[in-house]
């Protein structure tokens, strides 16, 4: 696996970036944290756009910056494709002109994917004659992705590419990013402060806080850590679970999932039985019981053991429940922790309302499912929750 080695410092008035990490470039590497904590700055350092930075940057065996040796590779020689928050297209050129400009900048001996391949992958053919200024926000970002790919990059940097888009436009673009992840061998670093995007797209994540990388690891494990709550947030904090689709209940419009051998029900999604999906469960949507409750409307009752308890200064506490592999986070009151005598090792039951599992937050797993055959009579496809392969086949506009 290729890794990006980062040892970098950069000073601004009132802010200092001091990042040190070894980032695995396997699929999409997420760079997550609150706004203003150094994510975009670190991306610019990796790209060679912050000449005042000090330290060492290397991808694989190739060193891009090493101040101890007086080495600095300029941006145009690093083989990096960069997509900014705003598309930064040339307004006086057509879409075809913007793409051809990038194509001419590709290395002569580079393994470029080709103009036609990129245009097909991102559904750019209908846009080619149009001027950049006539495009919607989502269309501009698709062109920006295509332009970056036509430079034949060895690393693709996406700096909050969806931050300027509304929910509908985000839903249109995400399947294309999934397709890049699943079909191309180009590693991607994806900067975001959105937990929804993070849960949907990335395999590994690095958390940034106050100019430092405070944690690096697989998405599910990292988001379950209670000690990282100040970085992941409280209100939207939760767990990312991978589930297997067992089937559908057409009578009640529900989908039956399996997580660590336990059943989970949620509103109907369009996914084939046997496929794997990834979903985010908010900690505030999880309750805890000491015995299986009866006579309640909550459909999901999952057995587990307390793995950790983090008590806060205010009224709340965070509890991690081991479901037999994955951890599920619950946000409850400190009073409930004391009343139930919750402590590591205690058997409990996690209660999750089916309606709390938002289909908009559901993501296909980064791992290919063993069986993608679709059940007969499936519901109409939903571009937000379908797999990347299905979404690209639909050519979301």
Protein backbone atom coordinates (compact mmCIF):
# COMPACT_ATOMS: atom_id res chain seq x y z
CA UNK A 1 0.00 0.00 0.00
CA UNK A 2 1.27 3.48 -0.90
CA UNK A 3 1.57 5.89 2.02
CA UNK A 4 1.93 9.63 2.24
CA UNK A 5 4.49 10.72 4.83
CA UNK A 6 3.92 14.18 6.27
CA UNK A 7 6.18 16.10 8.67
CA UNK A 8 5.33 19.74 8.21
CA UNK A 9 5.17 23.05 10.06
CA UNK A 10 3.82 26.39 8.88
CA UNK A 11 3.16 29.55 10.90
CA UNK A 12 0.43 32.12 10.35
CA UNK A 13 -0.57 35.04 12.58
CA UNK A 14 -2.50 33.42 15.42
CA UNK A 15 -2.27 29.88 14.00
CA UNK A 16 0.41 27.22 13.71
CA UNK A 17 0.20 24.04 11.68
CA UNK A 18 2.38 21.19 12.96
CA UNK A 19 1.22 18.01 11.23
CA UNK A 20 2.94 14.66 11.48
CA UNK A 21 1.45 11.43 10.14
CA UNK A 22 1.79 8.51 7.75
CA UNK A 23 -1.42 8.34 5.74
CA UNK A 24 -2.47 5.11 3.98
CA UNK A 25 -3.52 5.88 0.40
CA UNK A 26 -5.97 3.03 -0.08
CA UNK A 27 -9.06 4.18 -1.94
CA UNK A 28 -10.19 7.49 -0.45
CA UNK A 29 -8.30 8.84 2.56
CA UNK A 30 -10.50 11.28 4.48
CA UNK A 31 -9.06 14.40 6.11
CA UNK A 32 -11.70 15.48 8.60
CA UNK A 33 -12.07 18.20 11.20
CA UNK A 34 -13.79 21.50 11.98
CA UNK A 35 -13.41 24.46 9.65
CA UNK A 36 -10.30 26.55 10.26
CA UNK A 37 -8.18 23.77 11.77
CA UNK A 38 -5.70 23.36 8.92
CA UNK A 39 -7.12 20.75 6.53
CA UNK A 40 -6.94 22.83 3.36
CA UNK A 41 -3.58 24.26 4.38
CA UNK A 42 -2.16 20.76 4.77
CA UNK A 43 -3.49 19.84 1.32
CA UNK A 44 -1.75 22.89 -0.17
CA UNK A 45 1.48 21.87 1.55
CA UNK A 46 1.24 18.38 0.04
CA UNK A 47 0.66 19.94 -3.39
CA UNK A 48 3.68 22.24 -2.96
CA UNK A 49 1.59 25.42 -2.95
CA UNK A 50 2.78 26.64 0.48
CA UNK A 51 6.46 27.33 -0.10
CA UNK A 52 6.92 28.68 3.43
CA UNK A 53 6.26 25.27 5.01
CA UNK A 54 9.10 23.42 6.73
CA UNK A 55 9.61 19.66 6.97
CA UNK A 56 9.37 16.57 4.81
CA UNK A 57 6.71 15.30 2.37
CA UNK A 58 7.03 11.96 0.58
CA UNK A 59 4.69 9.65 -1.32
CA UNK A 60 5.88 6.08 -1.47
CA UNK A 61 9.56 6.25 -2.22
CA UNK A 62 9.39 9.67 -3.88
CA UNK A 63 10.41 12.67 -1.77
CA UNK A 64 8.70 15.95 -2.65
CA UNK A 65 10.13 18.09 0.13
CA UNK A 66 13.00 17.57 2.55
CA UNK A 67 14.34 20.77 4.08
CA UNK A 68 17.14 18.91 5.84
CA UNK A 69 18.52 18.06 2.39
CA UNK A 70 17.49 21.27 0.68
CA UNK A 71 15.06 19.41 -1.57
CA UNK A 72 11.81 20.87 -2.91
CA UNK A 73 9.93 19.47 -5.92
CA UNK A 74 7.74 22.17 -7.53
CA UNK A 75 3.99 21.55 -7.80
CA UNK A 76 3.94 20.81 -11.54
CA UNK A 77 6.42 17.95 -11.09
CA UNK A 78 4.60 16.17 -8.25
CA UNK A 79 1.98 14.51 -10.41
CA UNK A 80 -0.93 15.80 -8.31
CA UNK A 81 -4.46 16.55 -9.47
CA UNK A 82 -6.21 19.21 -7.37
CA UNK A 83 -9.93 20.02 -7.15
CA UNK A 84 -10.73 23.11 -5.08
CA UNK A 85 -13.93 24.10 -3.29
CA UNK A 86 -14.74 26.32 -6.26
CA UNK A 87 -14.16 24.68 -9.60
CA UNK A 88 -11.77 27.39 -10.93
CA UNK A 89 -12.58 26.69 -14.55
CA UNK A 90 -11.45 29.08 -17.28
CA UNK A 91 -14.64 31.07 -17.94
CA UNK A 92 -13.62 32.08 -21.48
CA UNK A 93 -13.24 28.45 -22.55
CA UNK A 94 -15.82 25.79 -23.27
CA UNK A 95 -15.93 22.60 -21.24
CA UNK A 96 -14.01 20.91 -24.05
CA UNK A 97 -11.42 23.69 -23.95
CA UNK A 98 -10.96 23.34 -20.20
CA UNK A 99 -10.48 19.61 -20.51
CA UNK A 100 -8.11 19.84 -23.48
CA UNK A 101 -5.99 22.36 -21.58
CA UNK A 102 -5.52 19.82 -18.78
CA UNK A 103 -4.89 17.01 -21.24
CA UNK A 104 -2.00 18.96 -22.79
CA UNK A 105 -0.40 19.25 -19.33
CA UNK A 106 -0.32 15.48 -18.81
CA UNK A 107 3.13 13.82 -18.89
CA UNK A 108 3.98 12.58 -22.36
CA UNK A 109 4.66 9.09 -21.05
CA UNK A 110 1.94 9.14 -18.44
CA UNK A 111 -0.75 6.42 -18.25
CA UNK A 112 -3.55 8.84 -19.05
CA UNK A 113 -7.09 7.51 -19.09
CA UNK A 114 -7.94 9.36 -22.25
CA UNK A 115 -10.35 12.16 -23.05
CA UNK A 116 -13.20 9.88 -24.09
CA UNK A 117 -12.90 7.65 -21.04
CA UNK A 118 -13.02 10.58 -18.61
CA UNK A 119 -15.89 12.26 -20.48
CA UNK A 120 -17.87 9.01 -20.35
CA UNK A 121 -17.08 8.29 -16.71
CA UNK A 122 -18.26 11.73 -15.58
CA UNK A 123 -21.07 12.17 -18.15
CA UNK A 124 -19.42 15.22 -19.66
CA UNK A 125 -20.26 14.63 -23.33
CA UNK A 126 -23.47 16.75 -23.29
CA UNK A 127 -21.55 19.59 -21.62
CA UNK A 128 -18.54 19.77 -23.98
CA UNK A 129 -19.78 22.66 -26.19
CA UNK A 130 -20.98 24.80 -23.29
CA UNK A 131 -19.08 27.69 -21.74
CA UNK A 132 -17.96 27.18 -18.16
CA UNK A 133 -20.00 30.11 -16.87
CA UNK A 134 -23.26 28.50 -18.07
CA UNK A 135 -22.83 25.38 -15.91
CA UNK A 136 -24.54 24.59 -12.60
CA UNK A 137 -22.43 24.10 -9.49
CA UNK A 138 -22.60 20.32 -9.77
CA UNK A 139 -21.70 20.39 -13.45
CA UNK A 140 -18.71 22.65 -12.77
CA UNK A 141 -17.38 20.23 -10.16
CA UNK A 142 -17.74 17.29 -12.55
CA UNK A 143 -15.71 19.21 -15.12
CA UNK A 144 -13.14 20.08 -12.45
CA UNK A 145 -12.83 16.38 -11.59
CA UNK A 146 -12.38 15.53 -15.25
CA UNK A 147 -9.78 18.24 -15.71
CA UNK A 148 -7.78 16.97 -12.72
CA UNK A 149 -7.91 13.37 -13.99
CA UNK A 150 -6.76 14.33 -17.49
CA UNK A 151 -3.42 15.47 -16.08
CA UNK A 152 -2.74 11.76 -15.31
CA UNK A 153 -2.21 12.34 -11.57
CA UNK A 154 -0.54 9.90 -9.21
CA UNK A 155 -2.49 11.50 -6.34
CA UNK A 156 -5.83 13.32 -6.44
CA UNK A 157 -6.55 15.99 -3.82
CA UNK A 158 -10.20 16.98 -3.30
CA UNK A 159 -10.58 20.04 -1.09
CA UNK A 160 -14.21 20.06 0.14
CA UNK A 161 -15.50 19.67 -3.44
CA UNK A 162 -19.14 19.54 -2.30
CA UNK A 163 -19.13 22.35 0.26
CA UNK A 164 -20.65 24.93 -2.10
CA UNK A 165 -23.45 22.63 -3.29
CA UNK A 166 -26.95 22.10 -1.93
CA UNK A 167 -28.14 18.63 -0.90
CA UNK A 168 -29.57 17.81 -4.30
CA UNK A 169 -26.36 18.70 -6.12
CA UNK A 170 -24.29 16.78 -3.57
CA UNK A 171 -26.45 13.72 -4.21
CA UNK A 172 -25.69 14.06 -7.92
CA UNK A 173 -21.92 14.34 -7.50
CA UNK A 174 -21.26 11.69 -4.83
CA UNK A 175 -21.92 8.70 -7.15
CA UNK A 176 -19.28 10.04 -9.53
CA UNK A 177 -16.71 10.27 -6.74
CA UNK A 178 -17.63 6.72 -5.72
CA UNK A 179 -17.06 5.63 -9.29
CA UNK A 180 -13.59 7.21 -9.32
CA UNK A 181 -12.83 5.40 -6.07
CA UNK A 182 -14.07 2.03 -7.29
CA UNK A 183 -12.80 2.03 -10.89
CA UNK A 184 -9.54 3.97 -10.88
CA UNK A 185 -6.22 3.18 -9.25
CA UNK A 186 -5.57 6.82 -8.36
CA UNK A 187 -5.36 7.37 -4.57
CA UNK A 188 -7.51 10.23 -3.28
CA UNK A 189 -7.26 12.51 -0.24
CA UNK A 190 -10.68 13.99 0.49
CA UNK A 191 -11.01 17.02 2.76
CA UNK A 192 -14.38 17.55 4.45
CA UNK A 193 -16.05 18.67 7.65
CA UNK A 194 -19.21 16.72 6.76
CA UNK A 195 -19.79 13.46 8.63
CA UNK A 196 -22.27 12.40 5.96
CA UNK A 197 -19.68 12.65 3.19
CA UNK A 198 -17.06 11.01 5.37
CA UNK A 199 -19.31 8.06 6.23
CA UNK A 200 -20.31 7.59 2.62
CA UNK A 201 -16.98 7.81 0.82
CA UNK A 202 -13.84 7.04 2.78
CA UNK A 203 -12.07 3.92 3.98
CA UNK A 204 -9.50 5.52 6.30
CA UNK A 205 -9.61 8.90 8.02
CA UNK A 206 -7.21 11.37 9.59
CA UNK A 207 -8.67 13.77 12.15
CA UNK A 208 -7.25 17.29 12.38
CA UNK A 209 -7.57 19.63 15.33
CA UNK A 210 -5.83 22.99 15.83
CA UNK A 211 -3.31 22.34 13.09
CA UNK A 212 -2.37 18.82 14.19
CA UNK A 213 -3.29 15.34 13.01
CA UNK A 214 -4.60 13.73 16.20
CA UNK A 215 -5.68 10.31 14.87
CA UNK A 216 -5.36 8.14 11.77
CA UNK A 217 -7.16 4.86 11.20
CA UNK A 218 -10.03 2.93 9.59
CA UNK A 219 -13.22 4.99 9.49
CA UNK A 220 -15.38 2.68 11.64
CA UNK A 221 -12.79 2.30 14.39
CA UNK A 222 -11.84 5.97 14.48
CA UNK A 223 -15.40 7.30 14.62
CA UNK A 224 -16.24 4.92 17.49
CA UNK A 225 -13.49 6.28 19.75
CA UNK A 226 -14.94 8.26 22.63
CA UNK A 227 -11.70 10.14 23.29
CA UNK A 228 -11.98 11.80 19.88
CA UNK A 229 -15.41 13.28 20.54
CA UNK A 230 -14.18 16.91 20.65
CA UNK A 231 -12.99 16.46 17.05
CA UNK A 232 -15.95 14.47 15.71
CA UNK A 233 -18.53 16.68 17.39
CA UNK A 234 -21.23 15.89 19.93
CA UNK A 235 -24.62 16.51 18.33
CA UNK A 236 -23.82 14.68 15.08
CA UNK A 237 -21.38 12.15 16.55
CA UNK A 238 -22.12 8.49 16.03
CA UNK A 239 -20.96 5.16 14.69
CA UNK A 240 -20.37 3.86 11.18
CA UNK A 241 -21.53 0.26 10.77
CA UNK A 242 -21.27 -2.17 7.89
CA UNK A 243 -24.38 -4.28 7.41
CA UNK A 244 -25.45 -7.12 5.14
CA UNK A 245 -28.82 -6.83 3.43
CA UNK A 246 -30.90 -9.87 4.39
CA UNK A 247 -34.02 -8.93 2.47
CA UNK A 248 -37.00 -6.60 2.31
CA UNK A 249 -40.42 -6.49 3.92
CA UNK A 250 -42.73 -5.06 1.23
CA UNK A 251 -45.73 -5.04 3.55
CA UNK A 252 -44.15 -2.44 5.84
CA UNK A 253 -41.65 -0.95 3.35
CA UNK A 254 -38.70 -1.98 5.50
CA UNK A 255 -35.27 -3.41 4.72
CA UNK A 256 -33.84 -6.15 6.94
CA UNK A 257 -30.14 -5.82 7.71
CA UNK A 258 -27.63 -7.87 9.66
CA UNK A 259 -24.86 -6.33 11.77
CA UNK A 260 -22.46 -8.68 13.55
CA UNK A 261 -25.07 -11.45 13.33
CA UNK A 262 -27.87 -9.30 14.77
CA UNK A 263 -30.96 -8.01 13.00
CA UNK A 264 -31.54 -4.37 12.18
CA UNK A 265 -34.56 -2.84 10.43
CA UNK A 266 -34.70 0.45 8.59
CA UNK A 267 -36.94 2.20 6.04
CA UNK A 268 -36.79 0.53 2.65
CA UNK A 269 -33.60 1.04 0.63
CA UNK A 270 -32.83 -0.13 -2.87
CA UNK A 271 -30.12 -2.71 -2.28
CA UNK A 272 -29.89 -6.33 -3.34
CA UNK A 273 -30.10 -9.11 -0.72
CA UNK A 274 -26.58 -10.25 0.10
CA UNK A 275 -24.99 -6.89 -0.66
CA UNK A 276 -23.09 -4.88 1.91
CA UNK A 277 -23.99 -1.34 2.89
CA UNK A 278 -22.50 1.17 5.28
CA UNK A 279 -24.69 3.30 7.53
CA UNK A 280 -24.18 5.95 10.18
CA UNK A 281 -26.04 5.71 13.48
CA UNK A 282 -26.08 8.90 15.54
CA UNK A 283 -25.17 8.45 19.19
CA UNK A 284 -28.17 10.57 20.22
CA UNK A 285 -30.48 8.04 18.51
CA UNK A 286 -29.30 5.10 20.65
CA UNK A 287 -30.85 4.17 24.02
CA UNK A 288 -29.68 1.50 26.48
CA UNK A 289 -31.60 -1.14 28.46
CA UNK A 290 -30.43 -3.80 30.91
CA UNK A 291 -32.92 -6.38 29.62
CA UNK A 292 -34.82 -6.85 26.35
CA UNK A 293 -37.76 -4.44 26.55
CA UNK A 294 -41.29 -5.43 25.60
CA UNK A 295 -44.33 -3.50 24.54
CA UNK A 296 -42.41 -0.67 22.85
CA UNK A 297 -42.37 0.74 19.35
CA UNK A 298 -38.59 0.55 18.91
CA UNK A 299 -37.89 -2.33 16.52
CA UNK A 300 -34.12 -2.67 16.82
CA UNK A 301 -32.81 -4.26 20.02
CA UNK A 302 -29.18 -5.40 19.79
CA UNK A 303 -27.27 -7.27 22.49
CA UNK A 304 -23.80 -6.14 23.50
CA UNK A 305 -21.46 -5.21 26.33
CA UNK A 306 -20.29 -1.85 27.57
CA UNK A 307 -16.84 -1.19 26.12
CA UNK A 308 -16.21 2.30 27.50
CA UNK A 309 -17.93 5.15 29.31
CA UNK A 310 -16.89 8.80 28.93
CA UNK A 311 -18.50 11.11 31.48
CA UNK A 312 -18.65 14.82 30.61
CA UNK A 313 -18.77 17.86 32.88
CA UNK A 314 -22.36 18.68 31.91
CA UNK A 315 -25.45 16.44 31.97
CA UNK A 316 -24.32 13.98 29.29
CA UNK A 317 -22.14 10.91 28.91
CA UNK A 318 -20.94 8.88 25.94
CA UNK A 319 -21.12 5.09 26.05
CA UNK A 320 -19.49 2.65 23.63
CA UNK A 321 -21.28 -0.70 23.21
CA UNK A 322 -19.41 -3.68 21.76
CA UNK A 323 -21.85 -5.56 19.51
CA UNK A 324 -19.45 -8.44 19.05
CA UNK A 325 -17.04 -6.68 16.72
CA UNK A 326 -18.26 -3.21 15.78
CA UNK A 327 -18.84 -0.58 18.45
CA UNK A 328 -22.03 1.42 18.71
CA UNK A 329 -21.99 4.80 20.44
CA UNK A 330 -24.84 6.01 22.68
CA UNK A 331 -25.26 9.52 24.08
CA UNK A 332 -27.24 9.44 27.32
CA UNK A 333 -27.37 11.38 30.58
CA UNK A 334 -24.93 10.94 33.44
CA UNK A 335 -27.95 10.18 35.61
CA UNK A 336 -28.78 7.20 33.38
CA UNK A 337 -25.19 5.95 33.63
CA UNK A 338 -25.37 5.98 37.44
CA UNK A 339 -28.93 4.61 37.65
CA UNK A 340 -28.12 1.65 35.39
CA UNK A 341 -24.63 1.22 36.91
CA UNK A 342 -23.12 1.17 33.44
CA UNK A 343 -19.47 0.14 33.43
CA UNK A 344 -17.14 -1.69 31.02
CA UNK A 345 -18.07 -5.35 30.68
CA UNK A 346 -21.73 -5.01 31.68
CA UNK A 347 -24.19 -6.76 29.30
CA UNK A 348 -26.73 -4.35 27.83
CA UNK A 349 -29.17 -3.96 24.96
CA UNK A 350 -28.86 -1.10 22.49
CA UNK A 351 -32.16 0.32 21.23
CA UNK A 352 -32.24 2.08 17.86
CA UNK A 353 -35.39 3.46 16.27
CA UNK A 354 -35.81 2.30 12.69
CA UNK A 355 -36.92 5.76 11.61
CA UNK A 356 -33.66 7.20 12.97
CA UNK A 357 -31.68 5.36 10.28
CA UNK A 358 -31.76 8.03 7.62
CA UNK A 359 -31.54 6.63 4.08
CA UNK A 360 -29.73 9.79 2.96
CA UNK A 361 -26.81 8.83 5.22
CA UNK A 362 -26.54 5.30 3.88
CA UNK A 363 -23.48 4.41 1.87
CA UNK A 364 -22.46 1.38 -0.16
CA UNK A 365 -19.49 -0.40 1.35
CA UNK A 366 -16.09 0.28 -0.15
CA UNK A 367 -15.69 -3.50 -0.47
CA UNK A 368 -17.41 -5.12 -3.46
CA UNK A 369 -20.42 -7.17 -2.43
CA UNK A 370 -20.34 -10.88 -3.21
CA UNK A 371 -23.71 -10.77 -4.92
CA UNK A 372 -25.15 -7.70 -6.63
CA UNK A 373 -28.09 -9.45 -8.25
CA UNK A 374 -31.20 -7.41 -7.74
CA UNK A 375 -34.42 -8.83 -6.40
CA UNK A 376 -37.39 -8.89 -8.78
CA UNK A 377 -39.82 -6.04 -8.44
CA UNK A 378 -37.37 -3.77 -6.59
CA UNK A 379 -38.38 -0.27 -5.66
CA UNK A 380 -37.45 2.68 -7.82
CA UNK A 381 -33.75 3.47 -7.50
CA UNK A 382 -32.62 6.27 -5.21
CA UNK A 383 -29.46 8.08 -6.34
CA UNK A 384 -28.51 8.90 -2.76
CA UNK A 385 -28.47 5.36 -1.40
CA UNK A 386 -27.66 3.19 -4.39
CA UNK A 387 -24.26 1.66 -4.91
CA UNK A 388 -21.71 3.54 -6.97
CA UNK A 389 -22.05 1.05 -9.81
CA UNK A 390 -25.82 1.41 -9.91
CA UNK A 391 -25.63 5.18 -9.70
CA UNK A 392 -23.16 5.49 -12.54
CA UNK A 393 -25.32 3.22 -14.70
CA UNK A 394 -28.20 5.65 -14.20
CA UNK A 395 -25.96 8.57 -15.20
CA UNK A 396 -27.26 10.91 -12.51
CA UNK A 397 -27.69 14.38 -13.96
